[in-house]
N, C-alpha and C. Protein backbone atom coordinates (compact mmCIF):
# COMPACT_ATOMS: atom_id res chain seq x y z
N MET A 1 -17.62 -7.71 28.50
CA MET A 1 -19.00 -7.86 28.49
C MET A 1 -19.17 -9.18 27.75
N ALA A 2 -19.99 -9.99 28.92
CA ALA A 2 -20.51 -11.16 28.07
C ALA A 2 -21.26 -11.27 26.80
N GLU A 3 -20.90 -12.31 26.04
CA GLU A 3 -21.96 -12.51 25.04
C GLU A 3 -23.04 -13.35 25.30
N PRO A 4 -24.20 -12.82 24.80
CA PRO A 4 -25.31 -13.50 24.98
C PRO A 4 -25.62 -14.95 24.64
N THR A 5 -25.92 -15.68 25.49
CA THR A 5 -26.04 -17.29 25.12
C THR A 5 -27.36 -17.38 25.27
N ARG A 6 -27.63 -18.80 24.71
CA ARG A 6 -29.02 -19.61 25.05
C ARG A 6 -28.52 -20.87 25.07
N LEU A 7 -29.24 -21.62 26.11
CA LEU A 7 -29.14 -22.78 26.49
C LEU A 7 -29.80 -23.64 25.69
N ASN A 8 -29.29 -24.76 25.20
CA ASN A 8 -29.96 -25.63 24.27
C ASN A 8 -29.92 -26.84 25.19
N ALA A 9 -30.96 -27.35 25.47
CA ALA A 9 -31.08 -28.53 26.16
C ALA A 9 -31.66 -29.87 25.26
N SER A 10 -31.05 -30.95 25.58
CA SER A 10 -31.47 -32.19 24.85
C SER A 10 -32.72 -32.51 25.43
N ARG A 11 -33.58 -33.60 24.80
CA ARG A 11 -34.83 -33.99 25.49
C ARG A 11 -34.13 -35.32 26.55
N GLN A 12 -34.57 -35.66 27.51
CA GLN A 12 -34.53 -36.77 28.25
C GLN A 12 -34.52 -37.96 27.75
N THR A 13 -35.45 -38.01 26.94
CA THR A 13 -35.61 -39.58 26.51
C THR A 13 -34.22 -39.74 25.36
N ASP A 14 -33.83 -38.92 24.75
CA ASP A 14 -32.73 -38.87 23.98
C ASP A 14 -31.65 -39.16 24.61
N CYS A 15 -31.29 -38.67 25.44
CA CYS A 15 -30.05 -38.95 26.40
C CYS A 15 -30.21 -40.34 27.16
N ALA A 16 -31.00 -40.78 27.40
CA ALA A 16 -31.29 -41.94 28.15
C ALA A 16 -31.30 -43.14 27.33
N ALA A 17 -31.28 -43.09 26.02
CA ALA A 17 -31.04 -44.11 24.98
C ALA A 17 -29.71 -43.92 24.41
N CYS A 18 -28.99 -42.93 24.76
CA CYS A 18 -27.49 -42.61 24.17
C CYS A 18 -26.64 -43.45 24.84
N ALA A 19 -25.66 -44.12 24.55
CA ALA A 19 -24.54 -44.94 25.11
C ALA A 19 -23.48 -44.10 25.70
N LEU A 20 -23.42 -43.13 25.35
CA LEU A 20 -22.42 -42.14 25.85
C LEU A 20 -22.74 -41.35 27.05
N LYS A 21 -23.90 -41.31 27.45
CA LYS A 21 -24.73 -40.55 28.56
C LYS A 21 -23.71 -40.40 29.95
N ALA A 22 -23.22 -41.52 30.31
CA ALA A 22 -22.33 -41.64 31.57
C ALA A 22 -20.74 -40.87 31.20
N ASN A 23 -20.48 -40.83 30.12
CA ASN A 23 -19.41 -39.73 29.83
C ASN A 23 -19.69 -38.27 29.35
N CYS A 24 -20.75 -38.06 28.97
CA CYS A 24 -21.38 -36.72 28.31
C CYS A 24 -22.07 -36.25 29.51
N CYS A 25 -22.91 -36.42 30.15
CA CYS A 25 -23.51 -35.52 31.40
C CYS A 25 -23.67 -36.53 32.54
N PRO A 26 -23.00 -36.79 33.29
CA PRO A 26 -23.18 -37.63 34.46
C PRO A 26 -23.61 -36.98 35.45
N GLY A 27 -24.66 -37.38 36.12
CA GLY A 27 -25.46 -36.73 37.28
C GLY A 27 -26.65 -35.77 37.00
N GLN A 28 -26.82 -35.75 35.65
CA GLN A 28 -27.92 -35.13 35.06
C GLN A 28 -28.73 -35.64 34.28
N PRO A 29 -29.96 -35.33 33.99
CA PRO A 29 -31.06 -36.12 33.26
C PRO A 29 -30.90 -35.92 31.95
N ALA A 30 -30.34 -34.73 31.34
CA ALA A 30 -30.24 -34.54 29.87
C ALA A 30 -28.93 -33.44 29.92
N ARG A 31 -28.34 -33.33 28.66
CA ARG A 31 -27.28 -32.51 28.46
C ARG A 31 -27.74 -30.83 28.13
N LYS A 32 -27.13 -29.83 28.86
CA LYS A 32 -27.54 -28.57 28.50
C LYS A 32 -26.19 -28.12 27.73
N VAL A 33 -26.25 -27.46 26.43
CA VAL A 33 -25.09 -26.87 25.69
C VAL A 33 -25.48 -25.38 25.75
N PRO A 34 -24.48 -24.54 26.06
CA PRO A 34 -24.74 -23.13 25.61
C PRO A 34 -24.46 -22.65 24.41
N ARG A 35 -25.18 -21.86 23.78
CA ARG A 35 -24.75 -21.42 22.18
C ARG A 35 -24.80 -19.94 22.27
N SER A 36 -23.95 -19.08 21.47
CA SER A 36 -24.02 -18.06 21.24
C SER A 36 -25.33 -17.59 20.33
N VAL A 37 -26.18 -16.66 20.82
CA VAL A 37 -27.18 -16.16 20.01
C VAL A 37 -26.77 -15.83 18.48
N HIS A 38 -25.35 -15.63 18.22
CA HIS A 38 -24.93 -15.26 17.14
C HIS A 38 -24.33 -16.34 16.25
N GLU A 39 -24.35 -17.56 16.68
CA GLU A 39 -23.73 -18.66 16.20
C GLU A 39 -24.61 -19.08 14.92
N ALA A 40 -25.58 -18.78 14.67
CA ALA A 40 -26.19 -19.12 13.15
C ALA A 40 -25.59 -18.01 12.08
N ALA A 41 -25.41 -16.74 12.56
CA ALA A 41 -24.66 -15.97 11.66
C ALA A 41 -23.30 -16.38 11.11
N ARG A 42 -22.46 -17.15 12.55
CA ARG A 42 -21.03 -17.48 12.40
C ARG A 42 -21.19 -18.76 11.12
N GLU A 43 -21.99 -19.47 11.39
CA GLU A 43 -22.06 -20.63 10.74
C GLU A 43 -22.16 -20.60 9.31
N ALA A 44 -22.88 -19.30 9.03
CA ALA A 44 -23.21 -19.24 7.74
C ALA A 44 -21.97 -18.57 6.93
N VAL A 45 -21.43 -17.76 7.91
CA VAL A 45 -20.09 -17.02 7.46
C VAL A 45 -19.02 -18.17 7.13
N ARG A 46 -19.09 -19.02 8.05
CA ARG A 46 -18.19 -20.09 8.00
C ARG A 46 -18.21 -20.97 6.61
N ARG A 47 -19.60 -21.27 6.30
CA ARG A 47 -19.94 -22.05 4.71
C ARG A 47 -19.41 -21.06 3.64
N LEU A 48 -19.76 -19.76 3.69
CA LEU A 48 -19.19 -18.81 2.65
C LEU A 48 -17.63 -18.32 2.77
N ALA A 49 -17.00 -18.83 3.58
CA ALA A 49 -15.48 -18.56 3.75
C ALA A 49 -14.92 -19.65 2.80
N ASN A 50 -15.31 -20.70 2.35
CA ASN A 50 -14.57 -21.50 1.47
C ASN A 50 -15.11 -21.38 0.07
N SER A 51 -15.95 -20.43 -0.26
CA SER A 51 -16.52 -20.19 -1.53
C SER A 51 -15.17 -19.47 -2.39
N PRO A 52 -15.35 -19.69 -3.52
CA PRO A 52 -14.25 -19.10 -4.50
C PRO A 52 -14.27 -17.42 -4.70
N GLU A 53 -15.85 -17.13 -4.31
CA GLU A 53 -16.18 -15.79 -4.41
C GLU A 53 -15.61 -14.91 -3.20
N TYR A 54 -15.61 -15.56 -2.13
CA TYR A 54 -15.04 -15.18 -0.79
C TYR A 54 -13.56 -14.99 -1.06
N VAL A 55 -12.91 -15.75 -1.72
CA VAL A 55 -11.18 -15.77 -1.88
C VAL A 55 -11.14 -14.63 -2.63
N GLN A 56 -11.78 -14.64 -3.94
CA GLN A 56 -11.62 -13.35 -4.70
C GLN A 56 -11.77 -12.16 -4.24
N SER A 57 -12.82 -12.06 -3.19
CA SER A 57 -13.41 -10.74 -2.47
C SER A 57 -12.09 -10.54 -1.34
N ARG A 58 -11.47 -11.25 -0.80
CA ARG A 58 -10.66 -11.19 0.20
C ARG A 58 -9.28 -10.70 -0.50
N ARG A 59 -8.97 -11.42 -1.68
CA ARG A 59 -8.00 -10.96 -2.38
C ARG A 59 -7.88 -9.38 -2.83
N GLU A 60 -9.00 -9.07 -3.39
CA GLU A 60 -9.48 -7.61 -3.89
C GLU A 60 -8.99 -6.57 -2.37
N ARG A 61 -9.80 -7.14 -1.39
CA ARG A 61 -9.93 -6.18 -0.37
C ARG A 61 -8.51 -6.02 0.05
N LYS A 62 -7.47 -7.01 0.23
CA LYS A 62 -6.22 -6.89 0.43
C LYS A 62 -5.58 -5.77 -0.59
N LYS A 63 -5.95 -5.74 -1.48
CA LYS A 63 -5.01 -4.57 -2.51
C LYS A 63 -5.66 -3.16 -1.93
N VAL A 64 -6.96 -2.99 -1.72
CA VAL A 64 -7.33 -1.78 -1.22
C VAL A 64 -6.81 -1.49 0.22
N GLU A 65 -6.73 -2.40 1.00
CA GLU A 65 -6.37 -2.27 2.37
C GLU A 65 -4.90 -1.85 2.53
N MET A 66 -4.06 -2.48 1.75
CA MET A 66 -2.71 -2.06 1.21
C MET A 66 -2.60 -0.55 1.15
N LEU A 67 -3.27 -0.30 -0.02
CA LEU A 67 -3.25 1.22 -0.53
C LEU A 67 -3.53 1.97 0.71
N PHE A 68 -4.60 1.84 1.49
CA PHE A 68 -4.76 2.97 2.50
C PHE A 68 -3.94 2.70 3.65
N ALA A 69 -3.06 1.53 4.04
CA ALA A 69 -2.02 1.58 4.76
C ALA A 69 -0.97 2.33 4.30
N HIS A 70 -0.72 2.20 3.19
CA HIS A 70 0.54 3.03 2.39
C HIS A 70 0.01 4.77 2.73
N LEU A 71 -1.20 5.04 2.27
CA LEU A 71 -1.59 6.32 2.30
C LEU A 71 -1.30 6.68 4.06
N LYS A 72 -1.60 5.90 4.75
CA LYS A 72 -1.70 6.49 6.21
C LYS A 72 -0.17 6.35 6.64
N ARG A 73 0.59 5.28 6.25
CA ARG A 73 1.90 5.27 6.87
C ARG A 73 3.15 5.89 6.11
N ILE A 74 3.05 5.98 4.95
CA ILE A 74 4.12 6.48 4.24
C ILE A 74 3.75 7.89 3.64
N LEU A 75 2.47 8.05 3.31
CA LEU A 75 2.25 9.42 2.86
C LEU A 75 1.60 10.45 4.20
N ARG A 76 1.55 9.70 5.36
CA ARG A 76 0.93 10.40 6.49
C ARG A 76 -0.21 11.04 6.42
N LEU A 77 -0.94 10.08 5.84
CA LEU A 77 -2.48 10.74 5.50
C LEU A 77 -3.20 10.26 6.80
N ASN A 78 -2.79 9.79 7.94
CA ASN A 78 -3.79 9.50 8.98
C ASN A 78 -4.59 10.34 9.57
N ARG A 79 -4.23 11.82 9.26
CA ARG A 79 -5.15 12.88 9.63
C ARG A 79 -5.24 13.86 8.55
N LEU A 80 -6.33 14.09 8.01
CA LEU A 80 -6.46 15.25 7.17
C LEU A 80 -6.24 16.59 7.70
N ARG A 81 -5.50 17.39 6.67
CA ARG A 81 -4.93 18.80 7.40
C ARG A 81 -5.96 20.06 6.76
N LEU A 82 -6.80 19.84 5.90
CA LEU A 82 -7.58 21.00 5.26
C LEU A 82 -8.66 20.50 5.98
N ARG A 83 -9.57 21.69 5.92
CA ARG A 83 -10.96 21.55 6.58
C ARG A 83 -12.03 21.30 5.53
N GLY A 84 -13.09 21.07 6.07
CA GLY A 84 -14.04 20.83 5.11
C GLY A 84 -14.18 19.67 4.34
N PRO A 85 -15.31 19.20 3.54
CA PRO A 85 -15.34 18.28 2.79
C PRO A 85 -14.65 18.39 1.48
N SER A 86 -14.60 20.04 1.08
CA SER A 86 -13.58 20.23 -0.26
C SER A 86 -12.25 20.07 -0.14
N GLY A 87 -11.88 20.45 1.21
CA GLY A 87 -10.50 20.20 1.54
C GLY A 87 -9.92 18.82 1.54
N ALA A 88 -10.78 18.09 2.35
CA ALA A 88 -10.71 16.72 2.64
C ALA A 88 -10.56 16.03 1.07
N LYS A 89 -11.55 16.28 0.37
CA LYS A 89 -11.66 15.64 -1.08
C LYS A 89 -10.23 16.19 -1.79
N ASP A 90 -9.95 17.39 -1.64
CA ASP A 90 -8.63 17.94 -2.52
C ASP A 90 -7.40 17.08 -1.86
N GLU A 91 -7.05 16.90 -0.71
CA GLU A 91 -6.12 16.43 0.01
C GLU A 91 -5.92 14.73 -0.29
N PHE A 92 -7.44 14.20 -0.52
CA PHE A 92 -7.38 12.78 -0.61
C PHE A 92 -6.94 12.74 -2.23
N LEU A 93 -7.33 13.68 -3.17
CA LEU A 93 -7.18 13.40 -4.57
C LEU A 93 -5.57 13.53 -4.77
N LEU A 94 -4.99 14.52 -4.13
CA LEU A 94 -3.42 14.55 -4.12
C LEU A 94 -2.77 13.32 -3.80
N ALA A 95 -3.33 12.85 -2.63
CA ALA A 95 -2.58 11.58 -2.19
C ALA A 95 -2.77 10.28 -3.12
N ALA A 96 -3.88 10.19 -3.79
CA ALA A 96 -4.40 9.43 -4.80
C ALA A 96 -3.27 9.57 -6.02
N ILE A 97 -3.18 10.86 -6.49
CA ILE A 97 -2.22 11.05 -7.77
C ILE A 97 -0.92 10.71 -7.06
N ALA A 98 -0.50 11.06 -6.09
CA ALA A 98 1.12 10.60 -5.81
C ALA A 98 1.00 8.98 -5.73
N GLN A 99 -0.05 8.34 -5.28
CA GLN A 99 0.13 6.77 -5.25
C GLN A 99 0.16 6.52 -6.94
N ASN A 100 -0.70 6.76 -7.72
CA ASN A 100 -0.54 6.41 -9.04
C ASN A 100 0.35 6.88 -9.74
N LEU A 101 1.32 8.14 -9.39
CA LEU A 101 2.44 8.35 -9.91
C LEU A 101 3.45 7.50 -9.65
N ARG A 102 3.58 7.12 -8.27
CA ARG A 102 4.46 5.76 -7.76
C ARG A 102 4.53 4.65 -8.50
N LYS A 103 3.32 4.15 -8.86
CA LYS A 103 2.80 3.02 -9.34
C LYS A 103 3.23 3.16 -11.05
N VAL A 104 3.07 4.06 -11.44
CA VAL A 104 3.55 4.40 -12.94
C VAL A 104 5.01 4.34 -12.81
N ALA A 105 5.66 5.29 -12.10
CA ALA A 105 7.15 5.28 -11.99
C ALA A 105 7.66 3.59 -11.79
N LYS A 106 7.22 3.00 -11.09
CA LYS A 106 7.51 1.70 -10.85
C LYS A 106 7.30 0.66 -12.30
N SER A 107 6.35 1.07 -13.15
CA SER A 107 6.06 0.28 -14.28
C SER A 107 7.00 0.63 -15.43
N VAL A 108 7.67 1.71 -15.52
CA VAL A 108 8.49 2.22 -16.60
C VAL A 108 9.67 1.28 -16.56
N ASP A 109 10.33 1.22 -17.91
CA ASP A 109 11.37 0.19 -18.08
C ASP A 109 12.54 1.38 -17.87
N ARG A 110 13.28 1.27 -16.99
CA ARG A 110 14.22 2.32 -16.95
C ARG A 110 15.58 1.95 -17.75
N SER A 111 15.79 0.95 -18.49
CA SER A 111 16.93 0.70 -19.16
C SER A 111 16.40 1.73 -20.69
N ARG A 112 15.30 1.91 -20.80
CA ARG A 112 15.07 2.65 -22.12
C ARG A 112 15.02 4.20 -21.77
N LEU A 113 15.10 4.58 -20.77
CA LEU A 113 15.21 5.83 -20.24
C LEU A 113 16.50 6.62 -20.78
N VAL A 114 15.93 7.81 -21.24
CA VAL A 114 17.47 8.93 -21.79
C VAL A 114 17.73 9.52 -20.88
N PRO A 115 19.13 9.75 -20.31
CA PRO A 115 19.40 10.65 -19.20
C PRO A 115 19.39 11.78 -19.80
N CYS A 116 18.86 12.86 -18.88
CA CYS A 116 18.62 14.08 -19.06
C CYS A 116 20.18 14.84 -18.93
N PRO A 117 20.35 15.87 -19.72
CA PRO A 117 21.99 16.45 -19.82
C PRO A 117 22.19 17.20 -18.56
N TRP A 118 21.39 17.58 -18.13
CA TRP A 118 21.56 18.46 -16.86
C TRP A 118 21.37 17.84 -15.33
N ASP A 119 21.09 16.40 -15.56
CA ASP A 119 21.05 15.43 -14.32
C ASP A 119 22.35 14.84 -14.29
N HIS A 120 22.87 15.72 -13.01
CA HIS A 120 24.29 15.18 -12.86
C HIS A 120 24.36 14.11 -11.53
N SER A 121 23.11 13.67 -11.05
CA SER A 121 23.21 12.72 -10.22
C SER A 121 23.71 11.49 -10.58
N ARG A 122 23.70 11.00 -12.14
CA ARG A 122 24.08 9.86 -12.47
C ARG A 122 25.57 9.70 -12.40
N ASN A 123 26.22 10.92 -12.80
CA ASN A 123 27.66 11.41 -12.62
C ASN A 123 28.14 11.03 -11.38
N GLU A 124 27.62 11.79 -10.48
CA GLU A 124 28.08 11.69 -9.26
C GLU A 124 27.94 10.11 -8.42
N ARG A 125 27.06 9.39 -8.71
CA ARG A 125 27.19 8.28 -8.58
C ARG A 125 28.32 7.09 -8.92
N LYS A 126 28.48 7.57 -10.01
CA LYS A 126 29.69 6.75 -10.78
C LYS A 126 31.00 7.40 -9.93
N ALA A 127 31.16 8.75 -9.81
CA ALA A 127 32.24 9.03 -9.26
C ALA A 127 32.22 8.36 -7.66
N ARG A 128 31.18 8.54 -6.90
CA ARG A 128 31.15 7.85 -5.80
C ARG A 128 31.80 6.38 -5.60
N THR A 129 31.40 5.83 -6.71
CA THR A 129 31.65 4.06 -6.83
C THR A 129 33.01 3.84 -7.18
N SER A 130 33.52 4.67 -7.98
CA SER A 130 34.64 4.43 -8.83
C SER A 130 35.77 5.29 -8.18
N GLU A 131 35.89 6.51 -8.11
CA GLU A 131 36.98 7.46 -7.60
C GLU A 131 36.33 8.58 -6.77
N PRO A 132 37.12 9.35 -6.08
CA PRO A 132 36.62 10.34 -5.31
C PRO A 132 36.28 11.47 -6.10
N ALA A 133 35.10 12.17 -5.55
CA ALA A 133 34.48 13.19 -6.70
C ALA A 133 35.46 14.52 -6.76
N SER A 134 35.65 14.71 -8.10
CA SER A 134 36.29 15.83 -8.07
C SER A 134 35.43 17.12 -8.39
N PRO A 135 35.94 18.35 -7.91
CA PRO A 135 35.45 19.51 -8.07
C PRO A 135 34.71 19.80 -9.38
N ASP A 136 35.21 19.32 -10.43
CA ASP A 136 34.82 19.68 -11.85
C ASP A 136 33.64 18.59 -12.17
N SER A 137 33.13 17.84 -11.40
CA SER A 137 32.13 16.68 -11.85
C SER A 137 30.77 17.17 -12.18
N ARG A 138 30.49 18.47 -11.67
CA ARG A 138 29.17 19.03 -12.05
C ARG A 138 29.37 19.84 -13.31
N ARG A 139 30.40 20.16 -13.93
CA ARG A 139 30.68 20.81 -15.11
C ARG A 139 30.10 19.94 -16.36
N VAL A 140 29.47 20.78 -17.23
CA VAL A 140 29.22 20.21 -18.53
C VAL A 140 30.45 20.08 -19.39
N THR A 141 30.76 18.91 -20.04
CA THR A 141 31.95 18.79 -20.45
C THR A 141 31.82 18.39 -22.19
N SER A 142 30.61 17.70 -22.31
CA SER A 142 30.56 17.51 -23.73
C SER A 142 30.01 18.65 -24.60
N THR A 143 29.95 18.80 -25.99
CA THR A 143 29.58 19.60 -26.62
C THR A 143 27.97 19.44 -26.84
N ALA A 144 27.52 18.22 -26.87
CA ALA A 144 26.04 17.92 -27.36
C ALA A 144 25.43 18.37 -25.93
N ASP A 145 25.96 18.14 -24.75
CA ASP A 145 25.48 18.60 -23.54
C ASP A 145 25.21 20.16 -23.24
N ARG A 146 26.35 20.84 -23.84
CA ARG A 146 26.22 22.29 -24.28
C ARG A 146 24.98 22.76 -24.89
N ARG A 147 24.93 22.10 -26.19
CA ARG A 147 23.93 22.56 -27.10
C ARG A 147 22.52 22.31 -26.57
N ASP A 148 22.15 21.30 -25.90
CA ASP A 148 21.01 20.73 -25.29
C ASP A 148 20.74 22.00 -24.24
N LEU A 149 21.64 22.46 -23.20
CA LEU A 149 21.49 23.22 -22.40
C LEU A 149 21.15 24.80 -22.83
N ALA A 150 21.84 24.84 -24.05
CA ALA A 150 21.33 26.07 -24.75
C ALA A 150 20.17 26.13 -25.25
N LYS A 151 19.60 25.22 -25.70
CA LYS A 151 18.11 25.15 -26.26
C LYS A 151 17.17 25.47 -25.02
N ILE A 152 17.55 24.97 -23.81
CA ILE A 152 16.78 24.89 -22.55
C ILE A 152 16.74 26.13 -21.90
N LEU A 153 18.06 26.65 -21.56
CA LEU A 153 18.08 27.94 -20.98
C LEU A 153 17.46 29.20 -21.90
N PRO A 154 17.09 30.29 -20.77
CA PRO A 154 16.47 31.37 -21.57
C PRO A 154 17.91 32.11 -22.40
N SER A 155 17.89 32.49 -23.65
CA SER A 155 18.69 33.10 -24.52
C SER A 155 19.16 34.37 -23.94
N SER A 156 20.32 34.29 -23.43
CA SER A 156 20.85 35.77 -23.16
C SER A 156 22.40 35.72 -23.29
N THR A 157 22.93 36.88 -23.35
CA THR A 157 24.61 36.73 -23.95
C THR A 157 25.27 35.96 -22.73
N SER A 158 25.17 36.06 -21.41
CA SER A 158 25.73 35.66 -20.16
C SER A 158 25.61 33.95 -20.30
N SER A 159 24.53 33.76 -20.39
CA SER A 159 24.37 32.15 -20.63
C SER A 159 25.07 31.41 -21.68
N THR A 160 25.09 32.19 -23.00
CA THR A 160 25.73 31.30 -23.86
C THR A 160 26.99 31.59 -23.92
N GLU A 161 27.57 32.64 -23.32
CA GLU A 161 29.10 32.59 -22.97
C GLU A 161 29.78 31.95 -22.06
N SER A 162 28.82 31.40 -21.03
CA SER A 162 29.31 30.38 -20.21
C SER A 162 29.11 29.14 -20.62
N ALA A 163 28.19 28.95 -21.78
CA ALA A 163 27.97 27.41 -22.34
C ALA A 163 29.43 27.12 -23.22
N ASP A 164 29.63 28.34 -24.02
CA ASP A 164 30.64 28.19 -24.78
C ASP A 164 31.90 27.82 -24.07
N SER A 165 32.39 28.80 -23.00
CA SER A 165 33.34 28.38 -22.27
C SER A 165 33.78 27.07 -21.42
N GLY A 166 32.40 26.49 -21.26
CA GLY A 166 32.74 25.09 -20.49
C GLY A 166 32.55 25.30 -19.21
N HIS A 167 32.46 26.66 -18.53
CA HIS A 167 32.52 26.56 -16.87
C HIS A 167 30.77 27.16 -16.60
N TRP A 168 30.64 27.13 -15.56
CA TRP A 168 29.35 27.54 -15.03
C TRP A 168 29.46 28.21 -13.92
């Protein structure tokens, strides 16, 4: 669909006095320039595009757009699965919580974290990089680990006996 244009024509007296008339509009009494009806709005936007306020707005908009792109692509929120406004609100709220938790997790200084005694993924990573994993790599070996696990696990005779024996 063609954009609506307006034909701007200069006055014949202006063109007759111009030294560039032979190059500009040969064979015509005056020059006619087609111009979009929206060109005034475009010029106003071009003037605003160089302002510091526009640069700040573009920077902030980029952050928001990146969050929405992450929601759609990574968290697969391109389509809401719950019905109604309340379902959409709940689903979007959960996605926003997930994004905020990811942001908090990235800001945590991992060097200051204390490893959990029951988290064996760290031991497994060490075993994979240094030597082949042994079948006893998931066993709790230190006394401190046993005590910590005894506090966490429900107190029953079977769990304390297995904690004392060192086998799970």
